Protein backbone atom coordinates (compact mmCIF):
# COMPACT_ATOMS: atom_id res chain seq x y z
CA MET A 1 0.00 0.00 0.00
CA ARG A 2 1.12 3.50 -0.81
CA ILE A 3 -0.43 6.60 0.73
CA TYR A 4 0.23 9.88 -1.03
CA TYR A 5 -0.32 12.81 1.31
CA PHE A 6 -0.17 16.57 1.21
CA THR A 7 0.18 18.52 4.43
CA ALA A 8 0.99 22.09 5.39
CA THR A 9 0.46 22.01 9.13
CA GLY A 10 0.70 18.28 9.85
CA ASN A 11 -2.97 17.28 10.11
CA SER A 12 -3.02 15.16 6.95
CA LEU A 13 0.36 13.65 7.80
CA TYR A 14 -0.98 12.70 11.23
CA VAL A 15 -3.93 10.90 9.60
CA ALA A 16 -1.63 9.11 7.16
CA LYS A 17 0.69 8.04 10.00
CA LYS A 18 -2.26 6.61 11.95
CA ILE A 19 -3.03 4.35 9.00
CA LYS A 20 0.59 3.31 8.64
CA GLU A 21 0.70 2.34 12.33
CA LYS A 22 -2.06 -0.20 11.85
CA ILE A 23 -1.42 -1.57 8.37
CA GLU A 24 1.69 -3.52 7.44
CA HIS A 25 3.67 -2.74 4.31
CA CYS A 26 2.32 0.81 4.11
CA GLU A 27 4.53 3.49 2.58
CA LEU A 28 3.90 7.23 3.03
CA ILE A 29 4.90 9.55 0.20
CA SER A 30 4.72 13.33 0.19
CA ILE A 31 2.86 14.53 -2.90
CA PRO A 32 5.23 17.50 -3.51
CA ASN A 33 8.15 15.04 -3.43
CA ALA A 34 6.31 12.67 -5.77
CA ILE A 35 5.81 15.55 -8.22
CA LYS A 36 9.49 16.54 -8.04
CA ASN A 37 10.50 12.93 -8.63
CA GLU A 38 7.90 12.51 -11.40
CA ASP A 39 6.45 9.55 -9.52
CA PHE A 40 3.31 9.28 -11.65
CA ASN A 41 3.24 5.58 -12.57
CA LEU A 42 1.45 3.73 -9.78
CA LYS A 43 1.40 -0.07 -9.63
CA ASP A 44 0.26 -0.78 -6.08
CA ASP A 45 -2.89 -2.77 -5.42
CA VAL A 46 -3.96 -0.29 -2.70
CA ILE A 47 -3.48 3.47 -3.10
CA GLY A 48 -4.53 6.23 -0.73
CA PHE A 49 -4.74 10.00 -0.99
CA VAL A 50 -4.80 12.11 2.19
CA TYR A 51 -5.10 15.87 1.92
CA PRO A 52 -6.63 19.00 3.48
CA ILE A 53 -9.67 20.61 1.92
CA HIS A 54 -8.86 23.88 0.14
CA CYS A 55 -11.71 26.12 -1.00
CA GLY A 56 -14.12 23.19 -0.77
CA SER A 57 -12.08 20.68 -2.76
CA LEU A 58 -8.52 19.56 -3.54
CA PRO A 59 -5.37 21.57 -2.86
CA ILE A 60 -3.90 22.77 -6.14
CA VAL A 61 -0.85 20.56 -5.65
CA VAL A 62 -3.02 17.46 -5.14
CA GLU A 63 -5.15 18.23 -8.20
CA ASP A 64 -2.00 18.64 -10.28
CA PHE A 65 -0.57 15.35 -9.02
CA ILE A 66 -3.68 13.21 -9.55
CA SER A 67 -4.24 14.66 -13.02
CA LYS A 68 -0.83 13.31 -14.10
CA LEU A 69 -1.18 9.79 -12.71
CA ASN A 70 -0.90 6.64 -14.77
CA ILE A 71 -2.47 3.96 -12.60
CA LYS A 72 -2.00 0.34 -13.60
CA ASP A 73 -4.99 -2.03 -13.56
CA LYS A 74 -7.87 -1.37 -11.12
CA PRO A 75 -6.41 -0.91 -7.62
CA TYR A 76 -8.35 -0.28 -4.44
CA ILE A 77 -8.19 3.52 -4.06
CA PHE A 78 -9.27 5.49 -1.02
CA ALA A 79 -9.25 9.17 -0.18
CA ILE A 80 -9.38 11.07 3.09
CA GLY A 81 -10.26 14.75 3.06
CA VAL A 82 -9.18 16.52 6.24
CA THR A 83 -11.39 19.55 6.81
CA GLY A 84 -11.78 22.45 9.16
CA GLY A 85 -15.30 21.32 9.98
CA GLY A 86 -17.03 21.43 6.59
CA GLY A 87 -17.59 18.61 4.14
CA ALA A 88 -15.20 16.91 1.73
CA LYS A 89 -17.59 15.27 -0.75
CA VAL A 90 -16.76 17.67 -3.58
CA SER A 91 -13.13 16.59 -3.38
CA PHE A 92 -14.07 12.93 -3.82
CA SER A 93 -16.03 13.54 -7.01
CA HIS A 94 -13.19 15.83 -8.11
CA ILE A 95 -10.76 12.93 -7.78
CA ASN A 96 -12.99 10.65 -9.83
CA GLU A 97 -13.13 13.29 -12.57
CA LEU A 98 -9.34 13.51 -12.60
CA LEU A 99 -9.04 9.72 -12.80
CA ASN A 100 -11.13 10.09 -15.95
CA GLY A 101 -12.92 6.75 -15.89
CA LYS A 102 -9.72 4.70 -15.90
CA CYS A 103 -10.39 3.86 -12.24
CA GLU A 104 -12.37 5.36 -9.38
CA LEU A 105 -12.43 5.75 -5.64
CA SER A 106 -13.31 2.57 -3.78
CA ASN A 107 -13.73 4.22 -0.38
CA TYR A 108 -13.53 7.64 1.23
CA LEU A 109 -13.67 9.49 4.54
CA CYS A 110 -14.05 13.04 5.77
CA VAL A 111 -12.07 13.83 8.93
CA LYS A 112 -13.30 17.00 10.62
CA TYR A 113 -10.73 18.88 12.66
CA ILE A 114 -10.62 22.69 13.08
CA SER A 115 -9.76 25.20 10.38
CA ASN A 116 -6.19 26.51 10.29
CA TYR A 117 -6.56 28.75 7.24
CA THR A 118 -4.61 31.61 8.77
CA ARG A 119 -5.55 34.09 6.07
CA ALA A 120 -9.25 34.03 6.92
CA GLY A 121 -9.56 33.14 10.59
CA LYS A 122 -7.87 32.26 13.84
CA ASN A 123 -5.93 29.06 14.18
CA PRO A 124 -7.03 26.57 16.85
CA THR A 125 -5.23 26.46 20.16
CA LYS A 126 -3.41 23.27 21.08
CA GLU A 127 -6.23 22.35 23.45
CA ARG A 128 -8.93 22.74 20.78
CA ALA A 129 -6.82 20.82 18.28
CA LEU A 130 -6.32 17.92 20.68
CA LYS A 131 -10.05 17.79 21.37
CA ALA A 132 -10.92 17.71 17.65
CA ILE A 133 -8.33 15.01 16.99
CA LYS A 134 -9.66 12.87 19.82
CA LEU A 135 -13.24 13.18 18.55
CA ASN A 136 -12.16 11.68 15.23
CA GLU A 137 -10.02 8.80 16.49
CA ASP A 138 -12.80 6.17 16.51
CA ILE A 139 -14.01 7.35 13.11
CA LEU A 140 -10.50 6.99 11.71
CA ASP A 141 -9.98 3.58 13.35
CA ASN A 142 -13.21 2.26 11.82
CA PHE A 143 -12.15 3.52 8.41
CA ILE A 144 -8.78 1.81 8.73
CA LYS A 145 -10.63 -1.45 9.38
CA SER A 146 -12.75 -0.87 6.30
CA ILE A 147 -9.74 -0.36 4.03
CA LYS A 148 -8.05 -3.42 5.55
CA ASN A 149 -11.12 -5.38 4.48
CA LYS A 150 -11.28 -3.51 1.16
CA GLU A 151 -14.85 -2.49 1.75
CA ILE A 152 -16.45 -0.58 -1.10
CA ARG A 153 -18.15 2.77 -0.74
CA ARG A 154 -18.59 4.44 -4.09
CA VAL A 155 -18.88 8.19 -4.50
CA ASP A 156 -22.50 8.95 -5.35
CA TYR A 157 -22.14 12.72 -5.37
CA LYS A 158 -21.93 14.41 -8.75
CA SER A 159 -19.74 17.46 -8.61
CA SER A 160 -21.02 20.89 -9.51
CA LYS A 161 -18.99 23.22 -11.69
CA ARG A 162 -16.97 24.27 -8.61
CA ILE A 163 -17.40 27.93 -9.51
CA PHE A 164 -15.80 29.33 -6.35
CA TYR A 165 -13.02 26.77 -6.40
CA ASN A 166 -12.15 27.50 -10.03
CA ALA A 167 -12.21 31.24 -9.37
CA TRP A 168 -9.91 30.77 -6.36
CA LYS A 169 -7.56 28.55 -8.33
CA ASN A 170 -7.49 30.31 -11.69
CA LEU A 171 -8.48 33.95 -11.13
CA PHE A 172 -6.98 34.63 -7.71
CA LYS A 173 -3.48 34.43 -9.13
CA ASN A 174 -1.46 36.54 -6.71
CA LYS A 175 -2.10 34.41 -3.66
CA ASP A 176 1.12 35.60 -2.03
CA LYS A 177 0.32 39.28 -2.53
CA GLY A 178 0.87 41.02 0.76
CA PHE A 179 3.18 38.33 2.16
CA ASN A 180 5.99 39.97 4.08
CA VAL A 181 8.68 39.20 6.61
CA ASN A 182 9.71 41.37 9.53
CA ASP A 183 12.89 41.79 11.57
CA LYS A 184 12.16 38.72 13.69
CA CYS A 185 13.29 36.54 10.76
CA ILE A 186 16.42 34.54 11.57
CA GLY A 187 17.04 33.25 8.04
CA CYS A 188 16.40 29.61 8.99
CA LYS A 189 14.94 28.79 5.53
CA MET A 190 12.12 26.66 6.97
CA CYS A 191 9.62 28.59 4.85
CA LYS A 192 11.59 27.82 1.70
CA SER A 193 11.93 24.15 2.64
CA ILE A 194 8.24 23.61 3.36
CA CYS A 195 6.84 25.38 0.29
CA PRO A 196 5.30 22.69 -1.95
CA VAL A 197 5.91 24.57 -5.21
CA ASP A 198 9.31 26.23 -4.66
CA ASN A 199 7.66 29.64 -4.47
CA ILE A 200 10.21 31.11 -2.06
CA LYS A 201 13.79 32.17 -2.65
CA MET A 202 16.12 33.61 -0.04
CA VAL A 203 17.55 37.06 -0.68
CA ASN A 204 19.96 38.37 1.96
CA ASP A 205 18.71 35.58 4.24
CA LYS A 206 15.10 36.75 3.93
CA PRO A 207 12.27 35.01 2.03
CA VAL A 208 10.94 36.51 -1.17
CA TRP A 209 7.76 35.14 -2.75
CA LEU A 210 7.70 34.47 -6.49
CA GLY A 211 4.01 34.70 -7.38
CA LYS A 212 3.05 31.05 -7.76
CA CYS A 213 1.66 30.50 -4.26
CA THR A 214 -1.01 27.81 -3.81
CA ASP A 215 -2.46 29.39 -0.64
CA CYS A 216 -1.53 26.54 1.70
CA MET A 217 -0.30 28.78 4.57
CA ALA A 218 2.61 26.42 5.26
CA CYS A 219 5.29 29.11 5.33
CA ILE A 220 3.34 31.30 7.73
CA ASN A 221 2.63 28.49 10.17
CA ILE A 222 6.10 26.92 10.14
CA CYS A 223 8.05 30.10 10.90
CA PRO A 224 9.56 29.67 14.40
CA LYS A 225 9.55 33.42 15.03
CA GLU A 226 6.12 34.22 13.52
CA ALA A 227 7.99 36.62 11.27
CA ILE A 228 5.88 35.97 8.14
CA ASN A 229 2.58 37.76 7.74
CA ILE A 230 -0.05 38.69 5.18
CA GLY A 231 -0.13 42.45 5.33
CA ASN A 232 -0.76 43.21 8.98
CA LYS A 233 -3.90 41.14 9.47
CA THR A 234 -2.06 38.04 10.73
CA LEU A 235 0.19 39.86 13.22
CA LYS A 236 -1.91 38.92 16.23
CA LYS A 237 -2.93 35.47 15.07
CA ASN A 238 -1.40 32.36 16.56
CA ARG A 239 0.33 29.82 14.33
CA TYR A 240 -0.61 26.18 14.09
CA ARG A 241 1.06 22.79 13.79
CA ASN A 242 -0.57 19.46 14.55
CA PRO A 243 0.47 18.73 18.16
CA PHE A 244 1.62 15.21 17.25
CA ILE A 245 3.80 16.24 14.31
CA GLU A 246 7.34 17.57 14.70
CA VAL A 247 8.82 20.37 12.59
CA LYS A 248 11.41 18.02 11.08
CA GLU A 249 8.61 15.91 9.60
CA LEU A 250 7.35 18.88 7.60
CA VAL A 251 10.51 20.49 6.24
């Protein structure tokens, strides 16, 4: 089994690791790394996708990855959408569209944590995050049993045109507009390392954004000095990392 995951703050990685703990011969692969390595030919009999929900559906990086896949035969494929409390069903039909009839999802799950989209709201405290994670543990355990048994749950939701998603993805081009770094920056390069699309370069030991941001908020949340902000509206907001995931697992 291979699980391809995308994570910015560790939530999706935490979910993927929980599966790996309970299923033998399970390999976890970062989707940004898979893209860099052009790992698009999949031969495994069980394949999983674990990702956060962005603007109601797939992160741009995940959409790009799945659209390029060449999947051999008809494997058992599952998806887990990790949300901030909303639904994930649009993302499941989105995946089936990208698979283009060559194969389809065999099973799926929505894990509901708490939003950490720093641009639009406050991040959860550690206490609230732990509570949300605990509330989903039994749900996740039951799903792990279902994929062990290769139970089938087909996606019966037909996707809409995803008007807001497409506008966010295609029209809202300058997603890093307003990103800035203050004097707290220590030049550690964590922001550059965590960026899934190499959108950051270091100039005089300070990050500079290159205009191809995918709006994942990873650089803002990983900064150990909270030196990265969007304008001034994030100055008083706390940063977030899944309490069970270490920094070194993300960068």
